[in-house]
PDB file of all heavy atoms in Angstrom:
ATOM      1  N   PRO A   1     177.803  44.144  35.685  1.00  0.00           N
ATOM      2  CA  PRO A   1     178.092  45.156  34.605  1.00  0.00           C
ATOM      3  C   PRO A   1     177.524  44.694  33.244  1.00  0.00           C
ATOM      4  O   PRO A   1     177.532  43.492  32.813  1.00  0.00           O
ATOM      5  CB  PRO A   1     179.619  45.131  34.501  1.00  0.00           C
ATOM      6  CG  PRO A   1     180.065  44.586  35.853  1.00  0.00           C
ATOM      7  CD  PRO A   1     179.085  43.688  36.331  1.00  0.00           C
ATOM      8  N   VAL A   2     176.849  45.591  32.610  1.00  0.00           N
ATOM      9  CA  VAL A   2     176.186  45.401  31.231  1.00  0.00           C
ATOM     10  C   VAL A   2     177.241  45.690  30.203  1.00  0.00           C
ATOM     11  O   VAL A   2     177.351  44.988  29.160  1.00  0.00           O
ATOM     12  CB  VAL A   2     175.022  46.362  31.149  1.00  0.00           C
ATOM     13  CG1 VAL A   2     174.414  46.197  29.728  1.00  0.00           C
ATOM     14  CG2 VAL A   2     173.915  45.980  32.176  1.00  0.00           C
ATOM     15  N   LEU A   3     178.094  46.656  30.382  1.00  0.00           N
ATOM     16  CA  LEU A   3     179.220  46.986  29.572  1.00  0.00           C
ATOM     17  C   LEU A   3     180.543  46.542  30.102  1.00  0.00           C
ATOM     18  O   LEU A   3     180.523  46.509  31.328  1.00  0.00           O
ATOM     19  CB  LEU A   3     179.295  48.444  29.075  1.00  0.00           C
ATOM     20  CG  LEU A   3     177.976  49.113  28.490  1.00  0.00           C
ATOM     21  CD1 LEU A   3     178.400  50.428  28.006  1.00  0.00           C
ATOM     22  CD2 LEU A   3     177.450  48.204  27.472  1.00  0.00           C
ATOM     23  N   THR A   4     181.558  46.403  29.353  1.00  0.00           N
ATOM     24  CA  THR A   4     182.897  46.056  29.888  1.00  0.00           C
ATOM     25  C   THR A   4     183.919  47.068  29.266  1.00  0.00           C
ATOM     26  O   THR A   4     183.668  47.626  28.270  1.00  0.00           O
ATOM     27  CB  THR A   4     183.295  44.617  29.509  1.00  0.00           C
ATOM     28  OG1 THR A   4     184.546  44.407  29.977  1.00  0.00           O
ATOM     29  CG2 THR A   4     183.236  44.423  28.014  1.00  0.00           C
ATOM     30  N   SER A   5     185.017  47.176  30.055  1.00  0.00           N
ATOM     31  CA  SER A   5     186.161  47.979  29.504  1.00  0.00           C
ATOM     32  C   SER A   5     187.343  47.109  29.056  1.00  0.00           C
ATOM     33  O   SER A   5     188.428  47.662  28.996  1.00  0.00           O
ATOM     34  CB  SER A   5     186.557  48.988  30.559  1.00  0.00           C
ATOM     35  OG  SER A   5     187.050  48.359  31.787  1.00  0.00           O
ATOM     36  N   GLU A   6     187.130  45.799  28.913  1.00  0.00           N
ATOM     37  CA  GLU A   6     188.164  44.933  28.514  1.00  0.00           C
ATOM     38  C   GLU A   6     188.366  45.041  27.070  1.00  0.00           C
ATOM     39  O   GLU A   6     187.485  44.656  26.257  1.00  0.00           O
ATOM     40  CB  GLU A   6     187.773  43.438  28.902  1.00  0.00           C
ATOM     41  CG  GLU A   6     188.873  42.391  28.505  1.00  0.00           C
ATOM     42  CD  GLU A   6     190.145  42.523  29.344  1.00  0.00           C
ATOM     43  OE1 GLU A   6     190.109  43.027  30.374  1.00  0.00           O
ATOM     44  OE2 GLU A   6     191.106  42.031  28.755  1.00  0.00           O
ATOM     45  N   PRO A   7     189.485  45.524  26.641  1.00  0.00           N
ATOM     46  CA  PRO A   7     189.779  45.719  25.142  1.00  0.00           C
ATOM     47  C   PRO A   7     190.015  44.351  24.417  1.00  0.00           C
ATOM     48  O   PRO A   7     190.603  43.425  24.995  1.00  0.00           O
ATOM     49  CB  PRO A   7     190.952  46.667  25.121  1.00  0.00           C
ATOM     50  CG  PRO A   7     191.757  46.324  26.348  1.00  0.00           C
ATOM     51  CD  PRO A   7     190.717  45.904  27.404  1.00  0.00           C
ATOM     52  N   SER A   8     189.730  44.449  23.149  1.00  0.00           N
ATOM     53  CA  SER A   8     190.243  43.418  22.157  1.00  0.00           C
ATOM     54  C   SER A   8     191.641  43.922  21.802  1.00  0.00           C
ATOM     55  O   SER A   8     191.785  45.046  21.377  1.00  0.00           O
ATOM     56  CB  SER A   8     189.307  43.354  20.927  1.00  0.00           C
ATOM     57  OG  SER A   8     188.136  42.764  21.292  1.00  0.00           O
ATOM     58  N   ILE A   9     192.544  42.964  21.849  1.00  0.00           N
ATOM     59  CA  ILE A   9     193.985  43.365  21.492  1.00  0.00           C
ATOM     60  C   ILE A   9     194.541  42.547  20.393  1.00  0.00           C
ATOM     61  O   ILE A   9     194.245  41.308  20.437  1.00  0.00           O
ATOM     62  CB  ILE A   9     194.946  43.306  22.806  1.00  0.00           C
ATOM     63  CG1 ILE A   9     194.335  44.361  23.799  1.00  0.00           C
ATOM     64  CG2 ILE A   9     196.324  43.664  22.466  1.00  0.00           C
ATOM     65  CD1 ILE A   9     195.216  44.431  25.119  1.00  0.00           C
ATOM     66  N   TYR A  10     195.266  43.158  19.527  1.00  0.00           N
ATOM     67  CA  TYR A  10     195.884  42.399  18.356  1.00  0.00           C
ATOM     68  C   TYR A  10     197.241  42.960  18.129  1.00  0.00           C
ATOM     69  O   TYR A  10     197.597  44.079  18.296  1.00  0.00           O
ATOM     70  CB  TYR A  10     195.009  42.806  17.136  1.00  0.00           C
ATOM     71  CG  TYR A  10     195.560  42.263  15.799  1.00  0.00           C
ATOM     72  CD1 TYR A  10     195.315  40.961  15.347  1.00  0.00           C
ATOM     73  CD2 TYR A  10     196.523  43.061  15.101  1.00  0.00           C
ATOM     74  CE1 TYR A  10     195.833  40.516  14.169  1.00  0.00           C
ATOM     75  CE2 TYR A  10     196.994  42.546  13.864  1.00  0.00           C
ATOM     76  CZ  TYR A  10     196.648  41.218  13.413  1.00  0.00           C
ATOM     77  OH  TYR A  10     197.192  40.865  12.299  1.00  0.00           O
ATOM     78  N   SER A  11     198.130  41.974  17.826  1.00  0.00           N
ATOM     79  CA  SER A  11     199.543  42.455  17.525  1.00  0.00           C
ATOM     80  C   SER A  11     200.080  41.641  16.356  1.00  0.00           C
ATOM     81  O   SER A  11     199.684  40.493  16.069  1.00  0.00           O
ATOM     82  CB  SER A  11     200.379  42.248  18.789  1.00  0.00           C
ATOM     83  OG  SER A  11     200.464  40.933  19.196  1.00  0.00           O
ATOM     84  N   ARG A  12     201.127  42.194  15.621  1.00  0.00           N
ATOM     85  CA  ARG A  12     201.703  41.528  14.583  1.00  0.00           C
ATOM     86  C   ARG A  12     203.024  42.185  14.331  1.00  0.00           C
ATOM     87  O   ARG A  12     203.101  43.465  14.413  1.00  0.00           O
ATOM     88  CB  ARG A  12     200.803  41.416  13.322  1.00  0.00           C
ATOM     89  CG  ARG A  12     200.817  42.773  12.540  1.00  0.00           C
ATOM     90  CD  ARG A  12     199.712  42.808  11.541  1.00  0.00           C
ATOM     91  NE  ARG A  12     199.951  42.474  10.184  1.00  0.00           N
ATOM     92  CZ  ARG A  12     199.106  42.242   9.306  1.00  0.00           C
ATOM     93  NH1 ARG A  12     197.824  42.371   9.495  1.00  0.00           N
ATOM     94  NH2 ARG A  12     199.449  41.911   8.066  1.00  0.00           N
ATOM     95  N   VAL A  13     203.938  41.397  13.845  1.00  0.00           N
ATOM     96  CA  VAL A  13     205.220  42.036  13.307  1.00  0.00           C
ATOM     97  C   VAL A  13     204.906  42.493  11.880  1.00  0.00           C
ATOM     98  O   VAL A  13     204.324  41.736  11.068  1.00  0.00           O
ATOM     99  CB  VAL A  13     206.386  40.939  13.276  1.00  0.00           C
ATOM    100  CG1 VAL A  13     207.581  41.512  12.543  1.00  0.00           C
ATOM    101  CG2 VAL A  13     206.663  40.494  14.662  1.00  0.00           C
ATOM    102  N   LEU A  14     205.231  43.810  11.667  1.00  0.00           N
ATOM    103  CA  LEU A  14     204.883  44.321  10.310  1.00  0.00           C
ATOM    104  C   LEU A  14     205.585  43.645   9.158  1.00  0.00           C
ATOM    105  O   LEU A  14     206.762  43.432   9.281  1.00  0.00           O
ATOM    106  CB  LEU A  14     205.070  45.794  10.365  1.00  0.00           C
ATOM    107  CG  LEU A  14     204.215  46.663  11.201  1.00  0.00           C
ATOM    108  CD1 LEU A  14     204.623  48.040  11.360  1.00  0.00           C
ATOM    109  CD2 LEU A  14     202.745  46.725  10.680  1.00  0.00           C
ATOM    110  N   ARG A  15     204.855  43.366   8.116  1.00  0.00           N
ATOM    111  CA  ARG A  15     205.399  42.602   6.994  1.00  0.00           C
ATOM    112  C   ARG A  15     205.646  43.625   5.848  1.00  0.00           C
ATOM    113  O   ARG A  15     205.025  44.619   5.668  1.00  0.00           O
ATOM    114  CB  ARG A  15     204.412  41.602   6.590  1.00  0.00           C
ATOM    115  CG  ARG A  15     203.895  40.705   7.751  1.00  0.00           C
ATOM    116  CD  ARG A  15     202.542  40.064   7.414  1.00  0.00           C
ATOM    117  NE  ARG A  15     202.042  39.446   8.631  1.00  0.00           N
ATOM    118  CZ  ARG A  15     200.674  39.085   8.724  1.00  0.00           C
ATOM    119  NH1 ARG A  15     199.968  39.264   7.784  1.00  0.00           N
ATOM    120  NH2 ARG A  15     200.345  38.482   9.909  1.00  0.00           N
ATOM    121  N   PRO A  16     206.545  43.197   4.981  1.00  0.00           N
ATOM    122  CA  PRO A  16     206.761  44.003   3.725  1.00  0.00           C
ATOM    123  C   PRO A  16     205.611  44.506   2.940  1.00  0.00           C
ATOM    124  O   PRO A  16     205.569  45.524   2.405  1.00  0.00           O
ATOM    125  CB  PRO A  16     207.809  43.139   2.925  1.00  0.00           C
ATOM    126  CG  PRO A  16     208.476  42.271   3.875  1.00  0.00           C
ATOM    127  CD  PRO A  16     207.462  42.000   4.905  1.00  0.00           C
ATOM    128  N   ALA A  17     204.548  43.557   2.981  1.00  0.00           N
ATOM    129  CA  ALA A  17     203.330  43.843   2.232  1.00  0.00           C
ATOM    130  C   ALA A  17     202.428  44.945   2.891  1.00  0.00           C
ATOM    131  O   ALA A  17     201.573  45.377   2.261  1.00  0.00           O
ATOM    132  CB  ALA A  17     202.570  42.603   2.005  1.00  0.00           C
ATOM    133  N   ASP A  18     202.707  45.161   4.204  1.00  0.00           N
ATOM    134  CA  ASP A  18     201.914  46.058   4.984  1.00  0.00           C
ATOM    135  C   ASP A  18     202.328  47.513   4.646  1.00  0.00           C
ATOM    136  O   ASP A  18     203.412  47.912   4.890  1.00  0.00           O
ATOM    137  CB  ASP A  18     202.044  45.850   6.483  1.00  0.00           C
ATOM    138  CG  ASP A  18     201.600  44.480   6.901  1.00  0.00           C
ATOM    139  OD1 ASP A  18     200.700  43.800   6.192  1.00  0.00           O
ATOM    140  OD2 ASP A  18     202.057  44.050   7.981  1.00  0.00           O
ATOM    141  N   LYS A  19     201.444  48.212   3.939  1.00  0.00           N
ATOM    142  CA  LYS A  19     201.761  49.579   3.370  1.00  0.00           C
ATOM    143  C   LYS A  19     201.262  50.734   4.268  1.00  0.00           C
ATOM    144  O   LYS A  19     201.865  51.850   4.244  1.00  0.00           O
ATOM    145  CB  LYS A  19     201.256  49.665   1.967  1.00  0.00           C
ATOM    146  CG  LYS A  19     201.806  48.725   1.020  1.00  0.00           C
ATOM    147  CD  LYS A  19     203.250  48.742   0.983  1.00  0.00           C
ATOM    148  CE  LYS A  19     203.901  47.783   0.028  1.00  0.00           C
ATOM    149  NZ  LYS A  19     205.386  47.735   0.057  1.00  0.00           N
ATOM    150  N   PHE A  20     200.066  50.553   4.880  1.00  0.00           N
ATOM    151  CA  PHE A  20     199.607  51.730   5.674  1.00  0.00           C
ATOM    152  C   PHE A  20     198.399  51.278   6.553  1.00  0.00           C
ATOM    153  O   PHE A  20     197.893  50.187   6.427  1.00  0.00           O
ATOM    154  CB  PHE A  20     199.022  52.871   4.599  1.00  0.00           C
ATOM    155  CG  PHE A  20     198.098  52.524   3.740  1.00  0.00           C
ATOM    156  CD1 PHE A  20     196.721  52.375   4.028  1.00  0.00           C
ATOM    157  CD2 PHE A  20     198.403  52.135   2.438  1.00  0.00           C
ATOM    158  CE1 PHE A  20     195.747  51.865   3.089  1.00  0.00           C
ATOM    159  CE2 PHE A  20     197.466  51.774   1.450  1.00  0.00           C
ATOM    160  CZ  PHE A  20     196.236  51.630   1.854  1.00  0.00           C
ATOM    161  N   LEU A  21     198.111  52.087   7.549  1.00  0.00           N
ATOM    162  CA  LEU A  21     197.069  51.800   8.516  1.00  0.00           C
ATOM    163  C   LEU A  21     196.087  52.907   8.476  1.00  0.00           C
ATOM    164  O   LEU A  21     196.487  54.129   8.396  1.00  0.00           O
ATOM    165  CB  LEU A  21     197.681  51.683   9.989  1.00  0.00           C
ATOM    166  CG  LEU A  21     198.604  50.514  10.187  1.00  0.00           C
ATOM    167  CD1 LEU A  21     199.624  50.837  11.206  1.00  0.00           C
ATOM    168  CD2 LEU A  21     197.798  49.381  10.567  1.00  0.00           C
ATOM    169  N   ILE A  22     194.712  52.684   8.605  1.00  0.00           N
ATOM    170  CA  ILE A  22     193.783  53.653   8.801  1.00  0.00           C
ATOM    171  C   ILE A  22     193.140  53.484  10.112  1.00  0.00           C
ATOM    172  O   ILE A  22     192.561  52.372  10.405  1.00  0.00           O
ATOM    173  CB  ILE A  22     192.657  53.608   7.695  1.00  0.00           C
ATOM    174  CG1 ILE A  22     193.380  53.711   6.277  1.00  0.00           C
ATOM    175  CG2 ILE A  22     191.696  54.732   7.861  1.00  0.00           C
ATOM    176  CD1 ILE A  22     192.353  53.376   5.151  1.00  0.00           C
ATOM    177  N   PHE A  23     193.188  54.463  11.051  1.00  0.00           N
ATOM    178  CA  PHE A  23     192.513  54.558  12.296  1.00  0.00           C
ATOM    179  C   PHE A  23     191.322  55.537  12.129  1.00  0.00           C
ATOM    180  O   PHE A  23     191.688  56.654  11.805  1.00  0.00           O
ATOM    181  CB  PHE A  23     193.432  54.981  13.421  1.00  0.00           C
ATOM    182  CG  PHE A  23     194.585  53.962  13.717  1.00  0.00           C
ATOM    183  CD1 PHE A  23     195.791  54.034  13.020  1.00  0.00           C
ATOM    184  CD2 PHE A  23     194.389  52.988  14.705  1.00  0.00           C
ATOM    185  CE1 PHE A  23     196.783  53.177  13.239  1.00  0.00           C
ATOM    186  CE2 PHE A  23     195.409  52.051  14.932  1.00  0.00           C
ATOM    187  CZ  PHE A  23     196.558  52.156  14.309  1.00  0.00           C
ATOM    188  N   ALA A  24     190.114  55.137  12.442  1.00  0.00           N
ATOM    189  CA  ALA A  24     189.083  56.074  12.223  1.00  0.00           C
ATOM    190  C   ALA A  24     187.909  55.743  13.133  1.00  0.00           C
ATOM    191  O   ALA A  24     187.570  54.550  13.379  1.00  0.00           O
ATOM    192  CB  ALA A  24     188.614  56.053  10.743  1.00  0.00           C
ATOM    193  N   SER A  25     187.143  56.862  13.555  1.00  0.00           N
ATOM    194  CA  SER A  25     185.926  56.630  14.324  1.00  0.00           C
ATOM    195  C   SER A  25     184.819  56.070  13.347  1.00  0.00           C
ATOM    196  O   SER A  25     184.968  56.139  12.160  1.00  0.00           O
ATOM    197  CB  SER A  25     185.478  57.924  15.007  1.00  0.00           C
ATOM    198  OG  SER A  25     185.383  58.967  13.963  1.00  0.00           O
ATOM    199  N   ASP A  26     183.709  55.601  13.909  1.00  0.00           N
ATOM    200  CA  ASP A  26     182.700  54.934  13.125  1.00  0.00           C
ATOM    201  C   ASP A  26     182.000  55.824  12.138  1.00  0.00           C
ATOM    202  O   ASP A  26     181.366  55.399  11.240  1.00  0.00           O
ATOM    203  CB  ASP A  26     181.649  54.259  13.947  1.00  0.00           C
ATOM    204  CG  ASP A  26     180.723  55.173  14.763  1.00  0.00           C
ATOM    205  OD1 ASP A  26     181.232  56.208  15.308  1.00  0.00           O
ATOM    206  OD2 ASP A  26     179.517  54.990  14.800  1.00  0.00           O
ATOM    207  N   GLY A  27     182.255  57.244  12.392  1.00  0.00           N
ATOM    208  CA  GLY A  27     181.631  58.210  11.424  1.00  0.00           C
ATOM    209  C   GLY A  27     182.183  58.013  10.041  1.00  0.00           C
ATOM    210  O   GLY A  27     181.354  58.324   8.979  1.00  0.00           O
ATOM    211  N   LEU A  28     183.358  57.536   9.864  1.00  0.00           N
ATOM    212  CA  LEU A  28     183.837  57.261   8.540  1.00  0.00           C
ATOM    213  C   LEU A  28     183.315  56.006   7.953  1.00  0.00           C
ATOM    214  O   LEU A  28     182.767  55.863   6.815  1.00  0.00           O
ATOM    215  CB  LEU A  28     185.354  57.163   8.567  1.00  0.00           C
ATOM    216  CG  LEU A  28     186.041  56.804   7.133  1.00  0.00           C
ATOM    217  CD1 LEU A  28     185.950  58.050   6.264  1.00  0.00           C
ATOM    218  CD2 LEU A  28     187.416  56.282   7.349  1.00  0.00           C
ATOM    219  N   TRP A  29     183.304  54.931   8.836  1.00  0.00           N
ATOM    220  CA  TRP A  29     182.967  53.584   8.364  1.00  0.00           C
ATOM    221  C   TRP A  29     181.432  53.473   8.070  1.00  0.00           C
ATOM    222  O   TRP A  29     180.944  52.560   7.403  1.00  0.00           O
ATOM    223  CB  TRP A  29     183.261  52.519   9.289  1.00  0.00           C
ATOM    224  CG  TRP A  29     184.805  52.695   9.652  1.00  0.00           C
ATOM    225  CD1 TRP A  29     185.276  53.031  10.913  1.00  0.00           C
ATOM    226  CD2 TRP A  29     185.982  52.512   8.769  1.00  0.00           C
ATOM    227  NE1 TRP A  29     186.705  53.063  10.805  1.00  0.00           N
ATOM    228  CE2 TRP A  29     187.060  52.778   9.558  1.00  0.00           C
ATOM    229  CE3 TRP A  29     185.980  52.192   7.386  1.00  0.00           C
ATOM    230  CZ2 TRP A  29     188.310  52.737   9.004  1.00  0.00           C
ATOM    231  CZ3 TRP A  29     187.295  52.100   6.838  1.00  0.00           C
ATOM    232  CH2 TRP A  29     188.402  52.370   7.561  1.00  0.00           C
ATOM    233  N   GLU A  30     180.599  54.473   8.619  1.00  0.00           N
ATOM    234  CA  GLU A  30     179.205  54.463   8.176  1.00  0.00           C
ATOM    235  C   GLU A  30     178.955  54.768   6.649  1.00  0.00           C
ATOM    236  O   GLU A  30     177.977  54.455   6.140  1.00  0.00           O
ATOM    237  CB  GLU A  30     178.437  55.675   8.977  1.00  0.00           C
ATOM    238  CG  GLU A  30     178.260  55.240  10.452  1.00  0.00           C
ATOM    239  CD  GLU A  30     177.540  56.530  11.169  1.00  0.00           C
ATOM    240  OE1 GLU A  30     177.169  57.459  10.451  1.00  0.00           O
ATOM    241  OE2 GLU A  30     177.619  56.539  12.398  1.00  0.00           O
ATOM    242  N   HIS A  31     179.982  55.378   6.078  1.00  0.00           N
ATOM    243  CA  HIS A  31     179.816  55.835   4.746  1.00  0.00           C
ATOM    244  C   HIS A  31     180.792  55.318   3.687  1.00  0.00           C
ATOM    245  O   HIS A  31     180.757  55.487   2.552  1.00  0.00           O
ATOM    246  CB  HIS A  31     179.943  57.379   4.690  1.00  0.00           C
ATOM    247  CG  HIS A  31     179.080  58.075   5.571  1.00  0.00           C
ATOM    248  ND1 HIS A  31     177.646  58.057   5.278  1.00  0.00           N
ATOM    249  CD2 HIS A  31     179.176  58.855   6.694  1.00  0.00           C
ATOM    250  CE1 HIS A  31     177.061  58.707   6.211  1.00  0.00           C
ATOM    251  NE2 HIS A  31     177.929  59.153   7.024  1.00  0.00           N
TER     252      HIS A  31
END
């Protein structure tokens, strides 16, 4: 296989300083 479907996974207990999350496709991050 040239590509893989194994995800990178991250977890954390949310902290008081964590205010919001942005989930976006790369079309946003290009700009």
